[in-house]
Structures are given as C-alpha cells and as structure tokens.
C-alpha atoms as a PDB file:
ATOM      1  CA  MET A   1      37.564 -10.717 -15.969  1.00  0.00           C
ATOM      2  CA  PRO A   2      35.645  -7.584 -14.867  1.00  0.00           C
ATOM      3  CA  PRO A   3      33.602  -7.877 -11.671  1.00  0.00           C
ATOM      4  CA  LYS A   4      29.892  -8.489 -12.055  1.00  0.00           C
ATOM      5  CA  LYS A   5      27.648  -5.521 -11.572  1.00  0.00           C
ATOM      6  CA  PRO A   6      25.373  -5.857  -8.535  1.00  0.00           C
ATOM      7  CA  LYS A   7      21.776  -6.727  -9.358  1.00  0.00           C
ATOM      8  CA  VAL A   8      19.820  -3.999  -7.611  1.00  0.00           C
ATOM      9  CA  LYS A   9      16.575  -2.648  -9.027  1.00  0.00           C
ATOM     10  CA  VAL A  10      15.740   1.049  -9.029  1.00  0.00           C
ATOM     11  CA  VAL A  11      12.055   0.145  -8.622  1.00  0.00           C
ATOM     12  CA  PRO A  12      11.450  -2.588  -6.005  1.00  0.00           C
ATOM     13  CA  ARG A  13       9.773  -5.832  -7.026  1.00  0.00           C
ATOM     14  CA  GLU A  14       6.779  -5.256  -4.788  1.00  0.00           C
ATOM     15  CA  HIS A  15       4.179  -5.084  -7.495  1.00  0.00           C
ATOM     16  CA  GLY A  16       1.247  -5.705  -5.177  1.00  0.00           C
ATOM     17  CA  GLY A  17       2.412  -3.093  -2.694  1.00  0.00           C
ATOM     18  CA  THR A  18       2.983  -0.565  -5.469  1.00  0.00           C
ATOM     19  CA  VAL A  19      -0.523  -1.106  -6.846  1.00  0.00           C
ATOM     20  CA  MET A  20      -2.029  -0.702  -3.368  1.00  0.00           C
ATOM     21  CA  ILE A  21      -0.091   2.491  -2.655  1.00  0.00           C
ATOM     22  CA  LEU A  22      -0.945   4.096  -5.990  1.00  0.00           C
ATOM     23  CA  ALA A  23      -4.560   2.899  -6.054  1.00  0.00           C
ATOM     24  CA  GLY A  24      -5.133   4.198  -2.532  1.00  0.00           C
ATOM     25  CA  ALA A  25      -3.576   7.542  -3.359  1.00  0.00           C
ATOM     26  CA  LEU A  26      -5.614   7.888  -6.556  1.00  0.00           C
ATOM     27  CA  ALA A  27      -8.769   6.960  -4.647  1.00  0.00           C
ATOM     28  CA  GLY A  28      -8.125   9.875  -2.315  1.00  0.00           C
ATOM     29  CA  PHE A  29      -7.620  12.196  -5.277  1.00  0.00           C
ATOM     30  CA  PHE A  30     -10.516  11.067  -7.468  1.00  0.00           C
ATOM     31  CA  TRP A  31     -12.954  11.095  -4.542  1.00  0.00           C
ATOM     32  CA  GLU A  32     -13.021  14.883  -5.033  1.00  0.00           C
ATOM     33  CA  PRO A  33     -10.763  15.508  -8.039  1.00  0.00           C
ATOM     34  CA  VAL A  34      -9.148  18.913  -8.050  1.00  0.00           C
ATOM     35  CA  TYR A  35      -6.169  19.098 -10.390  1.00  0.00           C
ATOM     36  CA  THR A  36      -3.483  21.025  -8.535  1.00  0.00           C
ATOM     37  CA  PRO A  37       0.341  21.049  -8.495  1.00  0.00           C
ATOM     38  CA  GLU A  38       0.082  20.058  -4.836  1.00  0.00           C
ATOM     39  CA  ALA A  39      -1.690  16.815  -5.758  1.00  0.00           C
ATOM     40  CA  LEU A  40       1.054  15.906  -8.231  1.00  0.00           C
ATOM     41  CA  ALA A  41       3.751  16.744  -5.690  1.00  0.00           C
ATOM     42  CA  MET A  42       2.015  14.639  -3.039  1.00  0.00           C
ATOM     43  CA  LEU A  43       1.717  11.657  -5.379  1.00  0.00           C
ATOM     44  CA  LEU A  44       5.422  11.971  -6.196  1.00  0.00           C
ATOM     45  CA  ALA A  45       6.339  12.231  -2.502  1.00  0.00           C
ATOM     46  CA  ILE A  46       4.319   9.130  -1.593  1.00  0.00           C
ATOM     47  CA  THR A  47       5.686   7.074  -4.488  1.00  0.00           C
ATOM     48  CA  ALA A  48       9.284   8.142  -3.864  1.00  0.00           C
ATOM     49  CA  ALA A  49       9.045   7.392  -0.134  1.00  0.00           C
ATOM     50  CA  PHE A  50       7.651   3.938  -0.880  1.00  0.00           C
ATOM     51  CA  PHE A  51      10.415   3.215  -3.392  1.00  0.00           C
ATOM     52  CA  ALA A  52      13.087   4.490  -0.970  1.00  0.00           C
ATOM     53  CA  ARG A  53      12.097   2.096   1.816  1.00  0.00           C
ATOM     54  CA  ASP A  54      13.566  -1.023   0.213  1.00  0.00           C
ATOM     55  CA  PRO A  55      17.060   0.266  -0.755  1.00  0.00           C
ATOM     56  CA  VAL A  56      17.477   2.116   2.547  1.00  0.00           C
ATOM     57  CA  GLY A  57      16.505  -0.987   4.500  1.00  0.00           C
ATOM     58  CA  LEU A  58      18.858  -3.196   2.479  1.00  0.00           C
ATOM     59  CA  TRP A  59      21.671  -0.655   2.878  1.00  0.00           C
ATOM     60  CA  LEU A  60      21.244  -0.804   6.659  1.00  0.00           C
ATOM     61  CA  LYS A  61      20.963  -4.598   6.757  1.00  0.00           C
ATOM     62  CA  ARG A  62      23.498  -6.597   8.761  1.00  0.00           C
ATOM     63  CA  PRO A  63      25.526  -8.543   7.861  1.00  0.00           C
ATOM     64  CA  ALA A  64      26.194  -5.924   5.251  1.00  0.00           C
ATOM     65  CA  ALA A  65      25.962  -6.504   1.524  1.00  0.00           C
ATOM     66  CA  PRO A  66      29.166  -6.297  -0.572  1.00  0.00           C
ATOM     67  CA  PRO A  67      30.560  -2.743  -0.904  1.00  0.00           C
ATOM     68  CA  ALA A  68      29.612  -2.447  -4.577  1.00  0.00           C
ATOM     69  CA  THR A  69      26.027  -3.438  -3.820  1.00  0.00           C
ATOM     70  CA  ARG A  70      25.836  -1.040  -0.869  1.00  0.00           C
ATOM     71  CA  ALA A  71      27.089   1.792  -3.074  1.00  0.00           C
ATOM     72  CA  VAL A  72      24.315   1.142  -5.592  1.00  0.00           C
ATOM     73  CA  LEU A  73      21.738   0.882  -2.807  1.00  0.00           C
ATOM     74  CA  LEU A  74      22.900   4.211  -1.418  1.00  0.00           C
ATOM     75  CA  LYS A  75      22.524   5.884  -4.810  1.00  0.00           C
ATOM     76  CA  ILE A  76      19.027   4.479  -5.338  1.00  0.00           C
ATOM     77  CA  GLY A  77      17.964   5.378  -1.801  1.00  0.00           C
ATOM     78  CA  ALA A  78      19.358   8.880  -2.229  1.00  0.00           C
ATOM     79  CA  LEU A  79      17.509   9.277  -5.550  1.00  0.00           C
ATOM     80  CA  TRP A  80      14.098   8.337  -4.169  1.00  0.00           C
ATOM     81  CA  GLY A  81      14.714   9.946  -0.794  1.00  0.00           C
ATOM     82  CA  GLY A  82      15.782  13.182  -2.457  1.00  0.00           C
ATOM     83  CA  LEU A  83      12.635  13.241  -4.605  1.00  0.00           C
ATOM     84  CA  ALA A  84      10.484  12.627  -1.530  1.00  0.00           C
ATOM     85  CA  LEU A  85      12.202  15.427   0.394  1.00  0.00           C
ATOM     86  CA  LEU A  86      11.968  17.892  -2.492  1.00  0.00           C
ATOM     87  CA  SER A  87       8.277  17.181  -2.969  1.00  0.00           C
ATOM     88  CA  GLY A  88       7.672  17.363   0.767  1.00  0.00           C
ATOM     89  CA  GLY A  89       9.528  20.655   1.006  1.00  0.00           C
ATOM     90  CA  TYR A  90       7.333  22.124  -1.710  1.00  0.00           C
ATOM     91  CA  LEU A  91       4.207  20.936   0.095  1.00  0.00           C
ATOM     92  CA  LEU A  92       5.334  22.611   3.323  1.00  0.00           C
ATOM     93  CA  PHE A  93       4.799  25.982   1.654  1.00  0.00           C
ATOM     94  CA  ARG A  94       1.587  25.053  -0.133  1.00  0.00           C
ATOM     95  CA  LEU A  95      -0.580  23.077   2.312  1.00  0.00           C
ATOM     96  CA  PRO A  96      -1.918  23.761   5.833  1.00  0.00           C
ATOM     97  CA  LEU A  97       0.864  22.953   8.282  1.00  0.00           C
ATOM     98  CA  LEU A  98      -1.449  21.445  10.902  1.00  0.00           C
ATOM     99  CA  GLU A  99      -2.941  18.830   8.561  1.00  0.00           C
ATOM    100  CA  LEU A 100       0.414  18.148   6.961  1.00  0.00           C
ATOM    101  CA  GLY A 101       1.951  17.741  10.420  1.00  0.00           C
ATOM    102  CA  ILE A 102      -0.720  15.203  11.400  1.00  0.00           C
ATOM    103  CA  LEU A 103       0.073  13.085   8.351  1.00  0.00           C
ATOM    104  CA  ALA A 104       3.813  13.379   8.986  1.00  0.00           C
ATOM    105  CA  ALA A 105       3.394  12.421  12.652  1.00  0.00           C
ATOM    106  CA  LEU A 106       1.565   9.269  11.555  1.00  0.00           C
ATOM    107  CA  GLY A 107       3.611   8.445   8.473  1.00  0.00           C
ATOM    108  CA  LEU A 108       7.217   8.946   9.575  1.00  0.00           C
ATOM    109  CA  PRO A 109       7.129   6.408  12.456  1.00  0.00           C
ATOM    110  CA  LEU A 110       5.443   3.864  10.168  1.00  0.00           C
ATOM    111  CA  PHE A 111       8.108   4.452   7.510  1.00  0.00           C
ATOM    112  CA  GLY A 112      10.869   4.044  10.096  1.00  0.00           C
ATOM    113  CA  LEU A 113       9.408   0.783  11.381  1.00  0.00           C
ATOM    114  CA  LEU A 114       9.099  -0.596   7.844  1.00  0.00           C
ATOM    115  CA  VAL A 115      12.733   0.296   7.111  1.00  0.00           C
ATOM    116  CA  PHE A 116      13.721  -1.389  10.383  1.00  0.00           C
ATOM    117  CA  ALA A 117      11.760  -4.512   9.414  1.00  0.00           C
ATOM    118  CA  ARG A 118      13.525  -4.647   6.038  1.00  0.00           C
ATOM    119  CA  ALA A 119      16.936  -4.095   7.588  1.00  0.00           C
ATOM    120  CA  THR A 120      16.418  -6.868  10.142  1.00  0.00           C
ATOM    121  CA  ARG A 121      14.743  -9.284   7.700  1.00  0.00           C
ATOM    122  CA  ARG A 122      11.465  -9.205   9.587  1.00  0.00           C
ATOM    123  CA  GLU A 123       9.260  -7.768   6.865  1.00  0.00           C
ATOM    124  CA  ARG A 124       7.229 -11.010   6.651  1.00  0.00           C
ATOM    125  CA  GLN A 125       6.436 -11.096  10.343  1.00  0.00           C
ATOM    126  CA  ALA A 126       2.874 -10.349  11.383  1.00  0.00           C
ATOM    127  CA  TRP A 127       3.690  -7.039  13.123  1.00  0.00           C
ATOM    128  CA  ALA A 128       5.559  -5.716  10.075  1.00  0.00           C
ATOM    129  CA  GLU A 129       2.723  -6.656   7.734  1.00  0.00           C
ATOM    130  CA  ALA A 130       0.241  -5.013  10.097  1.00  0.00           C
ATOM    131  CA  ILE A 131       2.273  -1.791   9.985  1.00  0.00           C
ATOM    132  CA  GLY A 132       2.409  -2.025   6.212  1.00  0.00           C
ATOM    133  CA  VAL A 133      -1.368  -2.347   6.041  1.00  0.00           C
ATOM    134  CA  ALA A 134      -1.846   0.551   8.476  1.00  0.00           C
ATOM    135  CA  SER A 135       0.355   2.736   6.291  1.00  0.00           C
ATOM    136  CA  LEU A 136      -2.013   2.162   3.353  1.00  0.00           C
ATOM    137  CA  GLY A 137      -4.582   4.391   5.011  1.00  0.00           C
ATOM    138  CA  LEU A 138      -2.382   7.477   4.710  1.00  0.00           C
ATOM    139  CA  PRO A 139      -2.002   7.974   0.903  1.00  0.00           C
ATOM    140  CA  PRO A 140      -5.771   8.466   0.332  1.00  0.00           C
ATOM    141  CA  ALA A 141      -5.949  11.101   3.061  1.00  0.00           C
ATOM    142  CA  ALA A 142      -2.754  12.759   1.835  1.00  0.00           C
ATOM    143  CA  LEU A 143      -3.951  13.067  -1.783  1.00  0.00           C
ATOM    144  CA  HIS A 144      -7.326  14.304  -0.605  1.00  0.00           C
ATOM    145  CA  LEU A 145      -5.578  16.969   1.454  1.00  0.00           C
ATOM    146  CA  ALA A 146      -3.443  17.975  -1.514  1.00  0.00           C
ATOM    147  CA  ALA A 147      -6.477  18.215  -3.788  1.00  0.00           C
ATOM    148  CA  VAL A 148      -8.968  20.068  -1.574  1.00  0.00           C
ATOM    149  CA  GLY A 149      -6.685  21.620   1.035  1.00  0.00           C
ATOM    150  CA  GLU A 150      -8.128  20.034   4.182  1.00  0.00           C
ATOM    151  CA  LEU A 151      -8.537  16.770   6.061  1.00  0.00           C
ATOM    152  CA  ASP A 152     -12.308  16.432   6.302  1.00  0.00           C
ATOM    153  CA  ALA A 153     -14.806  13.618   6.779  1.00  0.00           C
ATOM    154  CA  GLN A 154     -14.412  12.582   3.137  1.00  0.00           C
ATOM    155  CA  ALA A 155     -10.708  11.972   3.692  1.00  0.00           C
ATOM    156  CA  GLY A 156     -11.595   9.679   6.583  1.00  0.00           C
ATOM    157  CA  ILE A 157     -14.172   7.785   4.515  1.00  0.00           C
ATOM    158  CA  VAL A 158     -11.877   7.075   1.575  1.00  0.00           C
ATOM    159  CA  SER A 159      -9.005   6.128   3.896  1.00  0.00           C
ATOM    160  CA  GLY A 160     -11.295   3.775   5.791  1.00  0.00           C
ATOM    161  CA  ALA A 161     -12.466   2.116   2.581  1.00  0.00           C
ATOM    162  CA  CYS A 162      -8.875   1.518   1.498  1.00  0.00           C
ATOM    163  CA  LEU A 163      -7.867   0.191   4.918  1.00  0.00           C
ATOM    164  CA  LEU A 164     -10.712  -2.317   4.935  1.00  0.00           C
ATOM    165  CA  PHE A 165     -10.118  -3.530   1.388  1.00  0.00           C
ATOM    166  CA  PHE A 166      -6.329  -3.781   1.637  1.00  0.00           C
ATOM    167  CA  THR A 167      -6.466  -5.428   5.053  1.00  0.00           C
ATOM    168  CA  GLY A 168      -8.615  -8.113   3.482  1.00  0.00           C
ATOM    169  CA  SER A 169      -6.172  -8.429   0.560  1.00  0.00           C
ATOM    170  CA  THR A 170      -3.109  -8.752   2.771  1.00  0.00           C
ATOM    171  CA  LEU A 171      -4.550 -11.224   5.251  1.00  0.00           C
ATOM    172  CA  HIS A 172      -6.092 -13.250   2.443  1.00  0.00           C
ATOM    173  CA  LEU A 173      -2.790 -13.569   0.597  1.00  0.00           C
ATOM    174  CA  ARG A 174      -0.986 -14.375   3.844  1.00  0.00           C
ATOM    175  CA  ALA A 175      -3.426 -17.220   4.490  1.00  0.00           C
ATOM    176  CA  LEU A 176      -3.032 -18.508   0.934  1.00  0.00           C
ATOM    177  CA  VAL A 177       0.770 -18.592   1.130  1.00  0.00           C
ATOM    178  CA  ARG A 178       0.711 -20.227   4.553  1.00  0.00           C
ATOM    179  CA  ASP A 179      -1.661 -22.951   3.407  1.00  0.00           C
ATOM    180  CA  ARG A 180       0.330 -23.534   0.239  1.00  0.00           C
ATOM    181  CA  LYS A 181       3.514 -24.078   2.235  1.00  0.00           C
ATOM    182  CA  VAL A 182       1.799 -26.488   4.577  1.00  0.00           C
ATOM    183  CA  LYS A 183      -0.284 -28.557   2.186  1.00  0.00           C
ATOM    184  CA  GLY A 184       0.543 -27.802  -1.428  1.00  0.00           C
ATOM    185  CA  GLU A 185      -3.196 -28.013  -2.101  1.00  0.00           C
ATOM    186  CA  PRO A 186      -5.881 -25.394  -2.728  1.00  0.00           C
ATOM    187  CA  PRO A 187      -6.578 -23.890   0.701  1.00  0.00           C
ATOM    188  CA  PRO A 188      -9.858 -24.802   2.381  1.00  0.00           C
ATOM    189  CA  PRO A 189     -12.527 -22.081   2.343  1.00  0.00           C
ATOM    190  CA  SER A 190     -12.741 -21.973   6.132  1.00  0.00           C
ATOM    191  CA  ARG A 191      -9.165 -20.660   6.373  1.00  0.00           C
ATOM    192  CA  ALA A 192      -8.096 -18.613   3.354  1.00  0.00           C
ATOM    193  CA  TRP A 193     -11.354 -17.090   2.185  1.00  0.00           C
ATOM    194  CA  ILE A 194     -12.617 -15.618   5.449  1.00  0.00           C
ATOM    195  CA  TRP A 195     -10.549 -12.416   5.575  1.00  0.00           C
ATOM    196  CA  GLY A 196     -11.863 -10.608   2.525  1.00  0.00           C
ATOM    197  CA  PRO A 197     -15.565 -11.254   3.221  1.00  0.00           C
ATOM    198  CA  VAL A 198     -15.118  -9.978   6.772  1.00  0.00           C
ATOM    199  CA  ALA A 199     -13.896  -6.637   5.402  1.00  0.00           C
ATOM    200  CA  ALA A 200     -16.755  -6.611   2.886  1.00  0.00           C
ATOM    201  CA  LEU A 201     -19.365  -7.246   5.577  1.00  0.00           C
ATOM    202  CA  VAL A 202     -17.947  -4.467   7.723  1.00  0.00           C
ATOM    203  CA  GLY A 203     -18.241  -2.060   4.787  1.00  0.00           C
ATOM    204  CA  ILE A 204     -21.824  -3.110   4.057  1.00  0.00           C
ATOM    205  CA  GLY A 205     -22.736  -2.841   7.721  1.00  0.00           C
ATOM    206  CA  LEU A 206     -21.369   0.669   7.958  1.00  0.00           C
ATOM    207  CA  HIS A 207     -23.377   1.666   4.904  1.00  0.00           C
ATOM    208  CA  LEU A 208     -26.584   0.166   6.280  1.00  0.00           C
ATOM    209  CA  ALA A 209     -25.979   2.149   9.468  1.00  0.00           C
ATOM    210  CA  GLU A 210     -25.814   5.245   7.232  1.00  0.00           C
ATOM    211  CA  LEU A 211     -22.263   5.992   8.341  1.00  0.00           C
ATOM    212  CA  VAL A 212     -20.607   5.714   4.906  1.00  0.00           C
ATOM    213  CA  PRO A 213     -21.773   6.212   1.294  1.00  0.00           C
ATOM    214  CA  LEU A 214     -22.707   3.435  -1.124  1.00  0.00           C
ATOM    215  CA  ALA A 215     -19.317   3.606  -2.868  1.00  0.00           C
ATOM    216  CA  PHE A 216     -17.602   2.529   0.366  1.00  0.00           C
ATOM    217  CA  ALA A 217     -19.757  -0.602   0.729  1.00  0.00           C
ATOM    218  CA  ALA A 218     -19.808  -1.511  -2.976  1.00  0.00           C
ATOM    219  CA  ALA A 219     -16.045  -1.242  -3.354  1.00  0.00           C
ATOM    220  CA  ASN A 220     -15.368  -3.409  -0.311  1.00  0.00           C
ATOM    221  CA  ALA A 221     -18.014  -5.930  -1.386  1.00  0.00           C
ATOM    222  CA  LEU A 222     -15.631  -6.910  -4.207  1.00  0.00           C
ATOM    223  CA  ALA A 223     -13.916  -9.073  -1.599  1.00  0.00           C
ATOM    224  CA  PHE A 224     -16.710 -11.607  -2.095  1.00  0.00           C
ATOM    225  CA  LEU A 225     -15.279 -12.273  -5.581  1.00  0.00           C
ATOM    226  CA  ARG A 226     -11.935 -13.508  -4.312  1.00  0.00           C
ATOM    227  CA  PRO A 227     -13.024 -17.140  -3.839  1.00  0.00           C
ATOM    228  CA  LEU A 228     -14.451 -17.158  -7.370  1.00  0.00           C
ATOM    229  CA  VAL A 229     -11.389 -15.806  -9.204  1.00  0.00           C
ATOM    230  CA  MET A 230      -8.572 -17.312  -7.127  1.00  0.00           C
ATOM    231  CA  ARG A 231      -9.673 -20.742  -6.021  1.00  0.00           C
ATOM    232  CA  GLY A 232      -6.784 -23.133  -6.664  1.00  0.00           C
ATOM    233  CA  TRP A 233      -4.546 -20.535  -8.325  1.00  0.00           C
ATOM    234  CA  ILE A 234      -2.113 -20.458  -5.412  1.00  0.00           C
ATOM    235  CA  THR A 235      -0.841 -23.936  -6.302  1.00  0.00           C
ATOM    236  CA  GLN A 236       0.139 -22.593  -9.733  1.00  0.00           C
ATOM    237  CA  GLY A 237       2.156 -19.648  -8.410  1.00  0.00           C
ATOM    238  CA  VAL A 238       1.717 -16.616  -6.209  1.00  0.00           C
ATOM    239  CA  MET A 239       2.236 -14.341  -9.234  1.00  0.00           C
ATOM    240  CA  ARG A 240      -1.150 -15.318 -10.689  1.00  0.00           C
ATOM    241  CA  VAL A 241      -2.830 -14.430  -7.423  1.00  0.00           C
ATOM    242  CA  GLY A 242      -1.031 -11.080  -7.538  1.00  0.00           C
ATOM    243  CA  PHE A 243      -2.430 -10.360 -10.996  1.00  0.00           C
ATOM    244  CA  ALA A 244      -5.922 -11.262  -9.796  1.00  0.00           C
ATOM    245  CA  GLU A 245      -5.544  -8.948  -6.783  1.00  0.00           C
ATOM    246  CA  THR A 246      -4.393  -6.166  -9.105  1.00  0.00           C
ATOM    247  CA  GLY A 247      -7.555  -6.581 -11.158  1.00  0.00           C
ATOM    248  CA  LEU A 248      -9.721  -6.487  -8.042  1.00  0.00           C
ATOM    249  CA  THR A 249      -7.872  -3.412  -6.798  1.00  0.00           C
ATOM    250  CA  LEU A 250      -8.480  -1.551 -10.054  1.00  0.00           C
ATOM    251  CA  ALA A 251     -12.158  -2.518  -9.904  1.00  0.00           C
ATOM    252  CA  PHE A 252     -12.212  -1.284  -6.299  1.00  0.00           C
ATOM    253  CA  LEU A 253     -10.812   2.065  -7.411  1.00  0.00           C
ATOM    254  CA  LEU A 254     -13.354   2.405 -10.217  1.00  0.00           C
ATOM    255  CA  LEU A 255     -16.293   1.638  -7.928  1.00  0.00           C
ATOM    256  CA  LEU A 256     -15.033   4.055  -5.307  1.00  0.00           C
ATOM    257  CA  VAL A 257     -14.730   6.799  -7.890  1.00  0.00           C
ATOM    258  CA  LEU A 258     -17.823   6.199 -10.028  1.00  0.00           C
ATOM    259  CA  LEU A 259     -20.515   5.574  -7.404  1.00  0.00           C
END
C-alpha cells in the first residue's frame, strides 16, 4: 500500500488574514492609483511573503513533522519565498532605497516574529496577534510607495485607517471566540462588541479634529455595523463570522477609495 501523501496546502487556510493583507494593500494603491510595474511587483512580494510565513514556520516547528511533510513544506516555502525575493530584488532597483529600507526595517522583524510564533505554536497568544495586527499597517504604505514613489502623509493616513479597522476586527473576533468557548451563548454586548466601535470613534474623532479626511472616518465607522450583522452568529460557527468580516472589509475598501 503506497504511503499517503502529506496534506499541506500551497495557499494557507487563513482566509481572514489573506483578505486583510490584500484589502490593505489595495487600499494603499487605490488611494492614489498609478498603474506601474512596481505596484504589481510590490503586491506580489507582499502576498508571497504572507503565504511563505506558514510553511516556513511549520517547517521549523519542533517536534518536527514527518520527513515527507517537511519536504513538501520546504518546497512550498521556497516557492513563495523565492517569489518574494525576486519581486523585492526588482523593487530595489526601481524604488527609493531610503523609503524601501524603512519598510524593510519594520517588516522583516515582524515577519521573523510571526514565523517564530508559528514554529513555537504561539500564534494565538495575545503578543503574536498584536504583531500580526501591527504588520497590517505596512502593505498600504508599501503599495502607496510603489504607486507614487514616496512615503508621504497620504501613505500614513491610509495605513492608519487600515490599522484602526483591522485592530477592531481582530480584537472583536478574539472576544467572540473567547466568549463562545466559555459560554456557548451569543456574547454579551459589553464584552464582544466594544472593540470595533472604539476604533470607529477614534476615526471619527480624528476627522472632526481635521487630522484625517472623511474617507478615513467613514470607512472605520463601518465597525458600528458589526453588532447588527454578527449578533449570535458565533454560536453557529466561526466561518460565518469570517464571511461577514470579509464583507465589511470589502465595504471598508470601497469607502476608503470612493470618498
């Protein structure tokens, strides 16, 4: 009887994380859309680096996976890592080195810590999730740099909008899962629903202080809809909440781009 092939996916099953990464990157691009080869290369580099994190972390995990599984993980990690390096190498010759170096100095340590968290099975701990959220502020700035050739105030605004919105998403989902494990009932509003509205209020406050444009506040104000579209869904499966978050994220992107 031939040995079973190891079940390892080329694309990780982190649908929510993938949507956040891509939506944030596209927000940075569409904020001031300039269609350049550099923008495409940057999007490829970001996506490939995100997809490489999981197989590299699992390959480094101890106790080690079976040899056949580790071989597949190495191939997948090399595929995505190679694409990220090729795209990054191209960008080295096409974008300002100072701005690119700033993004690399911020992004590489975050990537290393996320790989470490995956390898040591700590990716669900609060510090690892905080690092994951922090890393979501880089793709918007990176795509903005690739499109317009500089890190300006607009890059900071779109990155800040994404950080606020995705921080609310992550903490909200964390509260939902925690409450579901404890009670098996729809979580009380005082616990699970507070995180998103906090981010929304911060965005609105910044707009009222004339520090950010209307798009920033309007996009983050979508967090107020979470209690309306997700109340009770967590008891029927986290996947449904993920689909709802995906819809809110796409609406967030549209508001950020259209206003």
